[in-house]
C-alpha cells in the first residue's frame, strides 16, 4: 500500500463525509476508496470510521489521526512546492471559511492584490456566519467574530472595537435621537441573530441590559446592515460591521457614552509545529487588510 496515497484518500473521506463523495473528488471508484481505508485501518490496527447506513463518522482515533495527517500532508506539499519552484515562494491551495460580511466588505475587494503578490496560491473560500468545526470540516483557517471557545486552535487577533448602536440619519431625523439606552423603548429596534437583550455600561462602570423591541428580526449581518442604512430602525452590533458606513456618514453611532467593548475579530487555525508558508502569507495578508480596512 502506498502510504502517501492512503493518507490523501483518508483526508478526503473525512472532509467530504463519505466514500462516494471522496471517490468523486479523487477520480476513483467508491469500492477503491473503501478498500484503501480498510487496508489503512488494518495497518494501523485501529478503526478510523464508525460506519452506518445513514452516516459516516470518524472515531476518536480517526479525528486525532486526521489532525496529524493534515499537518503531514501540508508539510509535504510545501516541501515539494519549494523544491519544484526553486524559489521557496508560497504555493498551494488554502481552504478557509469566513463570515459573510467580512468576506464581502473586507476580503473580496482585496483579493486581486493577494493573487498578484502570491500567484502560486489558490484559495477555496467558504462563507458562513454559523459556528463550524474547523478540524472536522477540513478547513485550514477561519476568520471568526467573537471569543474563540475551541482550545484546539491557535488564535491570532485581527481587530477589536466597541459594540455600537447605530441608526441612519434619515431615521434620526424622523424619530429623534435617543439620549439614554432606556429611550430605546420608544424606538423601532432591528434585532439581530444575537437577540433583543442589548448590553450597555452605566456611569458607575457596571453593565446592564435593555430589552430592544421592533418590527424585524434579521439573522444576516449583511441584511441587518442594509436595513439600518435604509433608515428602517436602530441596531446594535460590532463596530467592525458598520465601520465603512460610519466613515461614510450612512449611519451614525448613538449612545456613545454607554458603549461596551465589542466582539473581537480573529483568525483561527489548527496548531502546527511549522506553519506552512502559504498559510503564513495569507494570515499576514488578512492582518494587513483588517488593520487598513
Protein backbone atom coordinates (compact mmCIF):
# COMPACT_ATOMS: atom_id res chain seq x y z
CA UNK A 1 0.00 0.00 0.00
CA UNK A 2 1.25 3.47 -0.91
CA UNK A 3 1.04 5.26 2.45
CA UNK A 4 1.02 8.74 0.91
CA UNK A 5 -1.93 7.90 -1.36
CA UNK A 6 -3.75 6.22 1.53
CA UNK A 7 -3.38 9.32 3.71
CA UNK A 8 -4.71 11.56 0.96
CA UNK A 9 -7.69 9.27 0.44
CA UNK A 10 -8.33 9.25 4.20
CA UNK A 11 -8.37 13.05 4.45
CA UNK A 12 -10.75 13.35 1.50
CA UNK A 13 -13.17 10.88 3.09
CA UNK A 14 -13.18 12.91 6.32
CA UNK A 15 -13.58 16.25 4.55
CA UNK A 16 -16.35 15.09 2.20
CA UNK A 17 -18.20 12.95 4.71
CA UNK A 18 -18.30 9.68 2.81
CA UNK A 19 -16.64 7.22 0.46
CA UNK A 20 -18.74 8.11 -2.59
CA UNK A 21 -18.17 11.88 -2.36
CA UNK A 22 -14.45 11.37 -1.73
CA UNK A 23 -14.22 8.97 -4.67
CA UNK A 24 -15.79 11.55 -6.98
CA UNK A 25 -13.30 14.18 -5.84
CA UNK A 26 -10.36 11.80 -6.27
CA UNK A 27 -11.49 10.35 -9.59
CA UNK A 28 -11.66 6.83 -8.13
CA UNK A 29 -14.42 4.28 -7.64
CA UNK A 30 -16.14 4.09 -4.24
CA UNK A 31 -15.00 0.49 -3.89
CA UNK A 32 -11.36 1.51 -4.42
CA UNK A 33 -11.66 4.19 -1.75
CA UNK A 34 -13.31 1.74 0.65
CA UNK A 35 -10.52 -0.81 0.11
CA UNK A 36 -7.84 1.83 0.71
CA UNK A 37 -9.40 2.84 4.02
CA UNK A 38 -9.80 -0.79 5.10
CA UNK A 39 -6.15 -1.51 4.36
CA UNK A 40 -5.08 1.63 6.22
CA UNK A 41 -7.13 0.59 9.24
CA UNK A 42 -5.62 -2.91 9.10
CA UNK A 43 -2.11 -1.49 9.01
CA UNK A 44 -2.81 0.91 11.88
CA UNK A 45 -4.65 -1.71 13.88
CA UNK A 46 -7.40 0.75 14.68
CA UNK A 47 -10.80 1.79 13.33
CA UNK A 48 -10.87 5.24 11.71
CA UNK A 49 -14.61 5.46 10.99
CA UNK A 50 -17.88 4.34 12.54
CA UNK A 51 -19.92 3.14 9.58
CA UNK A 52 -23.71 3.13 9.38
CA UNK A 53 -26.29 3.11 6.61
CA UNK A 54 -27.02 6.81 7.17
CA UNK A 55 -23.74 8.45 8.09
CA UNK A 56 -20.02 8.00 8.29
CA UNK A 57 -18.38 9.38 11.43
CA UNK A 58 -14.76 9.47 12.45
CA UNK A 59 -13.80 7.68 15.65
CA UNK A 60 -11.85 9.49 18.37
CA UNK A 61 -8.71 7.89 17.00
CA UNK A 62 -9.77 8.86 13.48
CA UNK A 63 -10.15 12.53 14.43
CA UNK A 64 -6.73 12.60 16.07
CA UNK A 65 -5.18 10.80 13.11
CA UNK A 66 -6.83 13.27 10.71
CA UNK A 67 -5.34 16.28 12.53
CA UNK A 68 -1.87 14.77 12.32
CA UNK A 69 -2.35 13.67 8.72
CA UNK A 70 -3.38 17.15 7.58
CA UNK A 71 -0.21 18.61 9.06
CA UNK A 72 1.96 15.91 7.48
CA UNK A 73 0.45 16.41 4.03
CA UNK A 74 0.72 20.19 4.33
CA UNK A 75 4.41 19.93 5.21
CA UNK A 76 4.97 17.52 2.33
CA UNK A 77 3.09 19.76 -0.10
CA UNK A 78 5.15 22.77 0.92
CA UNK A 79 8.41 20.82 0.67
CA UNK A 80 7.53 19.59 -2.82
CA UNK A 81 6.44 23.06 -3.91
CA UNK A 82 9.66 24.61 -2.65
CA UNK A 83 11.85 22.10 -4.48
CA UNK A 84 9.84 22.32 -7.70
CA UNK A 85 9.74 26.09 -7.79
CA UNK A 86 13.34 26.52 -6.73
CA UNK A 87 12.41 29.86 -5.22
CA UNK A 88 10.69 28.93 -1.98
CA UNK A 89 7.70 31.13 -2.93
CA UNK A 90 4.49 30.23 -1.07
CA UNK A 91 2.25 27.98 -3.11
CA UNK A 92 -0.60 25.50 -2.75
CA UNK A 93 -4.31 25.59 -2.02
CA UNK A 94 -5.86 27.05 1.15
CA UNK A 95 -9.34 26.00 2.28
CA UNK A 96 -10.81 28.70 4.53
CA UNK A 97 -14.13 29.90 5.96
CA UNK A 98 -15.20 33.49 6.68
CA UNK A 99 -18.22 35.42 7.99
CA UNK A 100 -20.35 36.70 5.11
CA UNK A 101 -19.86 40.39 5.90
CA UNK A 102 -16.10 40.05 6.33
CA UNK A 103 -15.88 38.25 3.01
CA UNK A 104 -17.93 40.80 1.11
CA UNK A 105 -16.66 44.05 2.62
CA UNK A 106 -13.08 43.27 3.61
CA UNK A 107 -11.72 40.24 1.78
CA UNK A 108 -13.24 40.24 -1.70
CA UNK A 109 -12.10 43.76 -2.70
CA UNK A 110 -8.51 42.90 -1.71
CA UNK A 111 -8.19 39.52 -3.43
CA UNK A 112 -6.65 40.91 -6.66
CA UNK A 113 -3.80 42.34 -4.57
CA UNK A 114 -3.26 38.98 -2.85
CA UNK A 115 -3.19 36.99 -6.07
CA UNK A 116 -0.84 39.50 -7.66
CA UNK A 117 1.59 39.02 -4.79
CA UNK A 118 1.14 35.23 -4.44
CA UNK A 119 0.32 33.81 -7.89
CA UNK A 120 1.16 30.26 -6.77
CA UNK A 121 -1.51 30.20 -4.03
CA UNK A 122 -5.09 29.11 -4.76
CA UNK A 123 -7.98 29.80 -2.40
CA UNK A 124 -11.05 27.66 -1.73
CA UNK A 125 -13.26 30.12 0.14
CA UNK A 126 -16.44 29.35 2.07
CA UNK A 127 -18.71 31.88 3.76
CA UNK A 128 -20.78 31.03 6.81
CA UNK A 129 -21.90 33.03 9.85
CA UNK A 130 -22.64 29.90 11.87
CA UNK A 131 -20.16 28.04 14.04
CA UNK A 132 -18.06 25.44 12.22
CA UNK A 133 -15.76 22.68 13.43
CA UNK A 134 -12.59 23.76 11.69
CA UNK A 135 -10.80 20.44 12.09
CA UNK A 136 -13.73 18.11 11.40
CA UNK A 137 -14.74 20.02 8.28
CA UNK A 138 -11.25 20.20 6.87
CA UNK A 139 -10.63 23.97 6.93
CA UNK A 140 -7.07 25.20 7.26
CA UNK A 141 -8.13 28.51 8.77
CA UNK A 142 -11.17 30.57 9.67
CA UNK A 143 -11.95 34.18 10.49
CA UNK A 144 -14.50 34.38 13.30
CA UNK A 145 -16.18 37.18 15.25
CA UNK A 146 -16.38 36.61 18.99
CA UNK A 147 -14.32 34.92 21.67
CA UNK A 148 -12.98 31.55 20.44
CA UNK A 149 -14.03 28.55 22.51
CA UNK A 150 -12.11 25.76 20.77
CA UNK A 151 -8.91 25.25 22.74
CA UNK A 152 -7.52 23.02 19.99
CA UNK A 153 -6.99 26.03 17.73
CA UNK A 154 -4.33 28.72 17.52
CA UNK A 155 -5.85 32.22 17.62
CA UNK A 156 -4.46 35.49 16.26
CA UNK A 157 -6.38 38.68 16.98
CA UNK A 158 -7.08 40.77 13.89
CA UNK A 159 -9.04 43.69 15.33
CA UNK A 160 -11.37 44.77 18.11
CA UNK A 161 -13.53 47.80 18.85
CA UNK A 162 -16.72 48.93 20.59
CA UNK A 163 -20.19 47.44 20.41
CA UNK A 164 -22.03 50.27 18.67
CA UNK A 165 -25.66 51.32 18.47
CA UNK A 166 -26.37 52.86 15.08
CA UNK A 167 -29.11 54.44 13.01
CA UNK A 168 -29.30 56.18 9.68
CA UNK A 169 -29.51 60.00 9.70
CA UNK A 170 -32.88 59.70 7.92
CA UNK A 171 -34.32 57.63 10.77
CA UNK A 172 -33.00 60.01 13.42
CA UNK A 173 -34.41 63.00 11.51
CA UNK A 174 -37.87 61.43 11.61
CA UNK A 175 -37.87 59.99 15.13
CA UNK A 176 -35.24 61.89 17.09
CA UNK A 177 -32.07 60.56 18.70
CA UNK A 178 -32.27 58.57 21.95
CA UNK A 179 -30.09 60.04 24.69
CA UNK A 180 -30.04 57.06 27.05
CA UNK A 181 -30.45 53.32 26.46
CA UNK A 182 -33.82 53.49 28.22
CA UNK A 183 -35.03 55.81 25.42
CA UNK A 184 -34.76 52.86 23.01
CA UNK A 185 -38.13 51.66 24.29
CA UNK A 186 -39.68 54.49 22.27
CA UNK A 187 -37.90 53.47 19.05
CA UNK A 188 -38.04 50.76 16.42
CA UNK A 189 -35.07 48.45 17.04
CA UNK A 190 -33.94 45.94 14.44
CA UNK A 191 -32.99 42.71 16.23
CA UNK A 192 -30.02 40.63 15.08
CA UNK A 193 -29.45 36.88 15.48
CA UNK A 194 -27.82 37.62 18.85
CA UNK A 195 -31.19 38.52 20.35
CA UNK A 196 -33.05 41.51 21.80
CA UNK A 197 -31.02 41.97 25.01
CA UNK A 198 -28.65 44.87 24.29
CA UNK A 199 -25.86 45.50 26.79
CA UNK A 200 -24.57 48.89 27.89
CA UNK A 201 -22.24 50.31 30.54
CA UNK A 202 -23.53 52.78 33.09
CA UNK A 203 -21.68 55.76 34.51
CA UNK A 204 -20.70 53.61 37.50
CA UNK A 205 -18.92 51.18 35.15
CA UNK A 206 -21.45 48.39 35.64
CA UNK A 207 -23.14 46.76 32.67
CA UNK A 208 -26.88 46.43 32.22
CA UNK A 209 -29.24 45.21 29.51
CA UNK A 210 -32.16 46.75 27.70
CA UNK A 211 -34.77 44.55 26.00
CA UNK A 212 -35.00 46.04 22.50
CA UNK A 213 -38.23 45.80 20.52
CA UNK A 214 -39.04 46.37 16.88
CA UNK A 215 -40.74 45.13 13.75
CA UNK A 216 -37.95 42.92 12.35
CA UNK A 217 -35.59 40.15 13.44
CA UNK A 218 -32.79 39.56 10.93
CA UNK A 219 -30.26 36.72 11.20
CA UNK A 220 -27.90 38.01 8.50
CA UNK A 221 -25.35 40.68 9.37
CA UNK A 222 -25.29 41.96 5.80
CA UNK A 223 -29.07 42.27 5.55
CA UNK A 224 -29.24 43.87 9.00
CA UNK A 225 -26.68 46.47 7.98
CA UNK A 226 -28.54 47.28 4.73
CA UNK A 227 -31.82 47.59 6.64
CA UNK A 228 -30.32 50.08 9.09
CA UNK A 229 -28.65 52.09 6.31
CA UNK A 230 -32.04 52.30 4.58
CA UNK A 231 -33.46 54.05 7.65
CA UNK A 232 -35.75 51.32 9.00
CA UNK A 233 -34.61 51.50 12.61
CA UNK A 234 -31.86 51.28 15.20
CA UNK A 235 -29.49 48.32 15.53
CA UNK A 236 -26.65 47.22 17.77
CA UNK A 237 -23.59 45.34 16.59
CA UNK A 238 -19.83 45.27 16.46
CA UNK A 239 -18.09 48.38 15.19
CA UNK A 240 -16.47 46.20 12.54
CA UNK A 241 -19.75 45.55 10.73
CA UNK A 242 -20.61 49.24 10.41
CA UNK A 243 -17.17 50.84 10.15
CA UNK A 244 -17.42 51.86 6.48
CA UNK A 245 -20.98 53.13 6.89
CA UNK A 246 -19.87 55.18 9.89
CA UNK A 247 -16.93 56.60 7.95
CA UNK A 248 -19.18 57.49 5.01
CA UNK A 249 -21.93 59.03 7.14
CA UNK A 250 -24.54 56.45 6.08
CA UNK A 251 -25.15 55.64 9.74
CA UNK A 252 -24.44 57.46 12.98
CA UNK A 253 -23.23 55.91 16.23
CA UNK A 254 -25.51 56.90 19.10
CA UNK A 255 -25.35 56.35 22.88
CA UNK A 256 -21.55 56.54 22.71
CA UNK A 257 -21.19 57.19 26.44
CA UNK A 258 -22.73 53.79 27.18
CA UNK A 259 -20.74 51.58 24.80
CA UNK A 260 -19.10 48.33 25.85
CA UNK A 261 -16.27 46.54 24.10
CA UNK A 262 -17.44 44.57 21.09
CA UNK A 263 -16.59 41.06 19.97
CA UNK A 264 -13.06 40.72 18.54
CA UNK A 265 -12.32 39.51 15.02
CA UNK A 266 -9.71 36.73 14.95
CA UNK A 267 -8.14 34.23 12.59
CA UNK A 268 -8.04 30.64 13.84
CA UNK A 269 -6.11 27.65 12.57
CA UNK A 270 -5.06 24.22 13.84
CA UNK A 271 -1.77 24.30 15.75
CA UNK A 272 1.22 23.32 13.65
CA UNK A 273 4.85 22.96 14.57
CA UNK A 274 5.85 24.56 11.27
CA UNK A 275 3.22 26.85 9.79
CA UNK A 276 3.20 26.34 6.00
CA UNK A 277 4.42 29.34 4.03
CA UNK A 278 1.10 29.61 2.19
CA UNK A 279 -0.82 29.94 5.48
CA UNK A 280 1.68 32.36 6.94
CA UNK A 281 1.38 34.54 3.84
CA UNK A 282 -2.43 34.50 3.89
CA UNK A 283 -2.69 35.17 7.64
CA UNK A 284 -0.29 38.11 7.38
CA UNK A 285 -2.34 39.41 4.46
CA UNK A 286 -5.57 39.16 6.49
CA UNK A 287 -3.94 41.06 9.34
CA UNK A 288 -2.80 43.77 6.94
CA UNK A 289 -6.17 44.33 5.23
CA UNK A 290 -8.02 44.21 8.55
CA UNK A 291 -5.79 46.87 10.04
CA UNK A 292 -6.05 49.10 6.98
CA UNK A 293 -9.75 48.44 6.44
